[in-house]
Amino acid sequence: MRLRNYSGRVYRNFATSIVSQDLTDDLCAAAAEREILQELFYTAEEKKPLPSPVERVLEKSEQQIIQEEIDKKFNPAQWCASRYSDGTWAVLYAAESEETALREALFHMREFYREELASGPIEVQRRVLSLRMKSQHAVDLSREQGLNTTLLTSRDFSGYPYCQDLARRALATGAELLRAPSARHSGGYCTPIFEKAAIAKDEGHLKYLRCTLQDEHSAQVVSVVEGEALLYRMDG
């Protein structure tokens, strides 16, 4: 396997709980509408300019994200078997686009809530963060020759042993991360990170997502920041 330079922004999302910071947060999404509601909820002395949800969480979320979400993945006590680890080395999963990262997460959420989905939709909440990557020790599996692409992008767990072996071989060459085609998003790329040194900068919190798993094939995702609603087919 050949080590290559890799740099760029990658994305990750993880389970969280969206906590309202203002009485008007859960009543309407638009800032202008919340300003009107403030007239009803607050006195003139209490009323203050409304920061965006991102502005409210940035100052306190950066350290929390680094310590609780990133650092823990490099703690041996947290290691477990997954597509690119057999549980004996660290891996932090990210992707080159928000959509790819989300589609990967939706698959695992569906598996986790499979029994509950039989009774109806399930709502889960995710926090999206971004990382700036820079490494001279990356293996790009999309440029390696002779790989079994069926196992590399298996939609179920059948390809995990094969992918774990690829990761093991990459680690033996000194790789800090991989660039690999996504199994859940056609045309997307994942970036399993083995060494924290490859993370040049934690760019922090981007947004919250409300995800409604509607059945085993689809999910509706709403961005709390932009108010954008998207419908994802999990088999696409």
Protein backbone atom coordinates (compact mmCIF):
# COMPACT_ATOMS: atom_id res chain seq x y z
CA MET A 1 0.00 0.00 0.00
CA ARG A 2 1.21 3.48 -0.89
CA LEU A 3 1.23 6.34 1.61
CA ARG A 4 -0.07 9.62 0.20
CA ASN A 5 -0.64 13.18 1.33
CA TYR A 6 -4.15 14.00 2.45
CA SER A 7 -5.66 17.32 3.48
CA GLY A 8 -9.16 18.72 3.60
CA ARG A 9 -12.30 19.10 5.65
CA VAL A 10 -14.21 16.05 6.85
CA TYR A 11 -17.47 15.66 8.76
CA ARG A 12 -18.79 13.55 11.58
CA ASN A 13 -22.11 13.38 13.41
CA PHE A 14 -22.93 11.72 16.70
CA ALA A 15 -25.81 11.18 19.09
CA THR A 16 -26.75 14.15 21.23
CA SER A 17 -29.64 15.84 22.98
CA ILE A 18 -30.82 19.18 21.65
CA VAL A 19 -31.29 21.44 24.64
CA SER A 20 -33.34 24.63 24.21
CA GLN A 21 -31.53 27.75 25.36
CA ASP A 22 -34.49 30.11 25.06
CA LEU A 23 -38.21 29.87 25.79
CA THR A 24 -39.04 30.59 22.15
CA ASP A 25 -36.70 28.03 20.56
CA ASP A 26 -39.21 25.21 20.33
CA LEU A 27 -42.13 27.37 19.20
CA CYS A 28 -40.83 28.59 15.85
CA ALA A 29 -37.69 28.25 13.75
CA ALA A 30 -37.36 31.71 12.19
CA ALA A 31 -35.42 34.33 14.14
CA ALA A 32 -37.89 37.08 13.15
CA GLU A 33 -40.80 35.08 14.57
CA ARG A 34 -38.89 34.42 17.78
CA GLU A 35 -38.28 38.17 18.13
CA ILE A 36 -42.05 38.74 18.08
CA LEU A 37 -42.63 36.01 20.65
CA GLN A 38 -40.00 37.54 22.90
CA GLU A 39 -42.27 40.55 23.32
CA LEU A 40 -44.77 38.21 24.98
CA PHE A 41 -42.35 36.15 27.06
CA TYR A 42 -39.91 38.80 28.31
CA THR A 43 -39.98 42.27 29.86
CA ALA A 44 -37.98 45.08 28.24
CA GLU A 45 -35.20 44.56 30.78
CA GLU A 46 -35.04 40.83 30.10
CA LYS A 47 -35.21 41.09 26.32
CA LYS A 48 -31.89 40.76 24.54
CA PRO A 49 -30.74 40.08 20.94
CA LEU A 50 -31.24 36.46 19.98
CA PRO A 51 -28.04 34.61 19.10
CA SER A 52 -28.29 31.76 16.64
CA PRO A 53 -28.35 28.18 17.98
CA VAL A 54 -24.79 27.73 16.69
CA GLU A 55 -23.57 30.88 18.48
CA ARG A 56 -25.13 29.69 21.74
CA VAL A 57 -23.35 26.34 21.73
CA LEU A 58 -19.99 27.17 20.16
CA GLU A 59 -18.34 28.65 23.23
CA LYS A 60 -19.10 25.67 25.41
CA SER A 61 -19.17 22.85 22.86
CA GLU A 62 -15.64 22.93 21.45
CA GLN A 63 -13.92 21.54 24.53
CA GLN A 64 -16.74 19.06 25.07
CA ILE A 65 -16.51 17.83 21.46
CA ILE A 66 -12.74 17.41 21.66
CA GLN A 67 -12.73 15.65 25.02
CA GLU A 68 -15.88 13.58 24.83
CA GLU A 69 -16.36 12.82 21.15
CA ILE A 70 -12.89 12.81 19.62
CA ASP A 71 -10.51 11.93 22.44
CA LYS A 72 -12.59 9.00 23.65
CA LYS A 73 -12.21 7.25 20.29
CA PHE A 74 -8.46 7.06 20.90
CA ASN A 75 -8.91 5.65 24.39
CA PRO A 76 -8.25 1.86 24.34
CA ALA A 77 -11.18 1.34 26.71
CA GLN A 78 -13.50 2.60 23.94
CA TRP A 79 -12.14 0.48 21.09
CA CYS A 80 -14.53 -2.01 19.51
CA ALA A 81 -14.81 -3.99 16.30
CA SER A 82 -16.14 -2.11 13.27
CA ARG A 83 -15.58 -1.99 9.52
CA TYR A 84 -12.00 -0.72 9.76
CA SER A 85 -10.95 -2.03 13.17
CA ASP A 86 -11.02 -5.45 14.81
CA GLY A 87 -11.18 -3.74 18.19
CA THR A 88 -7.44 -3.72 18.86
CA TRP A 89 -6.73 -0.26 17.41
CA ALA A 90 -8.42 3.14 17.41
CA VAL A 91 -10.61 4.46 14.62
CA LEU A 92 -12.61 7.68 14.38
CA TYR A 93 -15.08 7.59 11.50
CA ALA A 94 -15.67 10.68 9.37
CA ALA A 95 -16.54 11.40 5.73
CA GLU A 96 -15.76 13.95 3.06
CA SER A 97 -19.33 15.27 2.94
CA GLU A 98 -22.04 15.82 5.54
CA GLU A 99 -24.43 13.65 3.54
CA THR A 100 -22.05 10.71 3.39
CA ALA A 101 -21.40 10.91 7.13
CA LEU A 102 -25.14 11.08 7.78
CA ARG A 103 -26.04 8.17 5.50
CA GLU A 104 -23.44 6.02 7.25
CA ALA A 105 -24.88 6.99 10.64
CA LEU A 106 -28.48 6.40 9.51
CA PHE A 107 -27.64 2.81 8.60
CA HIS A 108 -26.32 2.08 12.07
CA MET A 109 -29.24 3.89 13.72
CA ARG A 110 -31.62 1.73 11.72
CA GLU A 111 -29.83 -1.41 12.89
CA PHE A 112 -29.87 -0.24 16.51
CA TYR A 113 -33.59 0.60 16.47
CA ARG A 114 -34.73 -2.25 14.22
CA GLU A 115 -37.16 -3.73 16.77
CA GLU A 116 -38.60 -0.34 17.76
CA LEU A 117 -39.15 0.61 14.10
CA ALA A 118 -41.60 -2.25 13.78
CA SER A 119 -43.94 -0.24 16.03
CA GLY A 120 -43.51 3.14 14.34
CA PRO A 121 -41.11 5.99 13.53
CA ILE A 122 -38.19 6.73 15.85
CA GLU A 123 -36.74 10.22 16.39
CA VAL A 124 -33.05 10.63 17.16
CA GLN A 125 -30.90 13.73 17.43
CA ARG A 126 -27.42 14.23 16.03
CA ARG A 127 -24.72 16.89 16.34
CA VAL A 128 -22.61 17.63 13.24
CA LEU A 129 -18.98 18.68 13.57
CA SER A 130 -16.15 19.23 11.12
CA LEU A 131 -12.44 18.45 11.28
CA ARG A 132 -9.56 19.80 9.23
CA MET A 133 -7.27 16.95 8.21
CA LYS A 134 -3.60 17.08 7.20
CA SER A 135 -1.39 14.02 6.92
CA GLN A 136 1.48 12.69 4.85
CA HIS A 137 0.58 9.15 5.87
CA ALA A 138 -2.76 8.35 4.27
CA VAL A 139 -3.82 5.34 2.21
CA ASP A 140 -6.39 6.02 -0.51
CA LEU A 141 -8.17 2.71 -1.10
CA SER A 142 -9.88 4.12 -4.18
CA ARG A 143 -6.44 4.28 -5.83
CA GLU A 144 -5.15 0.89 -4.71
CA GLN A 145 -5.14 -1.88 -7.30
CA GLY A 146 -6.61 -5.36 -7.04
CA LEU A 147 -9.07 -4.76 -4.20
CA ASN A 148 -12.34 -6.66 -3.86
CA THR A 149 -14.78 -3.78 -4.32
CA THR A 150 -17.77 -5.96 -3.43
CA LEU A 151 -16.42 -6.65 0.05
CA LEU A 152 -14.95 -3.15 0.36
CA THR A 153 -18.39 -1.57 0.00
CA SER A 154 -20.60 -4.36 1.36
CA ARG A 155 -23.88 -2.96 2.66
CA ASP A 156 -24.06 -5.56 5.41
CA PHE A 157 -21.36 -6.79 7.79
CA SER A 158 -20.03 -9.51 5.48
CA GLY A 159 -17.20 -7.32 4.23
CA TYR A 160 -15.95 -6.29 7.66
CA PRO A 161 -13.20 -8.94 7.99
CA TYR A 162 -11.84 -7.94 4.57
CA CYS A 163 -11.89 -4.22 5.43
CA GLN A 164 -10.29 -4.89 8.81
CA ASP A 165 -7.47 -6.72 7.06
CA LEU A 166 -6.96 -3.75 4.70
CA ALA A 167 -6.80 -1.43 7.71
CA ARG A 168 -4.30 -3.74 9.41
CA ARG A 169 -2.09 -3.68 6.32
CA ALA A 170 -2.36 0.10 6.07
CA LEU A 171 -1.40 0.50 9.73
CA ALA A 172 1.65 -1.68 9.14
CA THR A 173 2.86 0.88 6.57
CA GLY A 174 2.40 3.73 9.07
CA ALA A 175 -0.97 5.00 7.84
CA GLU A 176 -2.73 7.59 10.00
CA LEU A 177 -6.00 7.42 8.07
CA LEU A 178 -7.75 5.85 5.09
CA ARG A 179 -9.79 7.29 2.25
CA ALA A 180 -12.37 4.66 1.33
CA PRO A 181 -15.53 4.51 -0.81
CA SER A 182 -18.70 4.70 1.26
CA ALA A 183 -20.86 1.60 1.54
CA ARG A 184 -24.00 3.67 2.20
CA HIS A 185 -23.63 6.61 -0.20
CA SER A 186 -22.81 6.02 -3.85
CA GLY A 187 -19.96 8.31 -4.89
CA GLY A 188 -19.19 9.30 -1.30
CA TYR A 189 -15.94 8.75 0.57
CA CYS A 190 -15.27 7.93 4.21
CA THR A 191 -12.12 8.80 6.14
CA PRO A 192 -11.47 6.36 8.99
CA ILE A 193 -8.86 8.07 11.20
CA PHE A 194 -6.38 5.92 13.14
CA GLU A 195 -4.15 8.62 14.63
CA LYS A 196 -5.28 11.85 16.25
CA ALA A 197 -2.13 13.50 14.86
CA ALA A 198 -3.83 13.55 11.45
CA ILE A 199 -6.41 16.03 12.77
CA ALA A 200 -4.93 19.47 12.09
CA LYS A 201 -7.84 21.37 13.63
CA ASP A 202 -11.16 20.72 15.31
CA GLU A 203 -13.50 23.15 13.54
CA GLY A 204 -16.22 22.52 16.06
CA HIS A 205 -19.99 22.32 16.02
CA LEU A 206 -21.88 23.05 12.79
CA LYS A 207 -25.50 22.20 13.46
CA TYR A 208 -28.02 19.92 15.14
CA LEU A 209 -30.10 17.42 13.19
CA ARG A 210 -33.46 15.89 14.07
CA CYS A 211 -33.67 12.51 12.34
CA THR A 212 -36.94 10.60 12.10
CA LEU A 213 -36.40 6.98 11.11
CA GLN A 214 -39.65 6.27 9.30
CA ASP A 215 -39.04 2.64 8.40
CA GLU A 216 -36.11 0.42 7.53
CA HIS A 217 -35.63 2.18 4.19
CA SER A 218 -36.15 5.91 4.76
CA ALA A 219 -35.54 8.73 7.20
CA GLN A 220 -36.50 12.39 7.33
CA VAL A 221 -33.74 14.71 8.51
CA VAL A 222 -34.32 18.31 9.59
CA SER A 223 -31.48 20.73 10.25
CA VAL A 224 -32.26 22.73 13.39
CA VAL A 225 -30.09 25.60 12.13
CA GLU A 226 -31.30 25.98 8.55
CA GLY A 227 -34.73 24.44 9.00
CA GLU A 228 -34.10 22.35 5.89
CA ALA A 229 -36.01 19.07 5.61
CA LEU A 230 -34.55 16.19 3.60
CA LEU A 231 -35.80 12.67 2.94
CA TYR A 232 -33.10 10.02 2.73
CA ARG A 233 -33.51 6.57 1.28
CA MET A 234 -31.25 4.34 3.34
CA ASP A 235 -30.91 1.84 0.52
CA GLY A 236 -29.70 4.51 -1.93
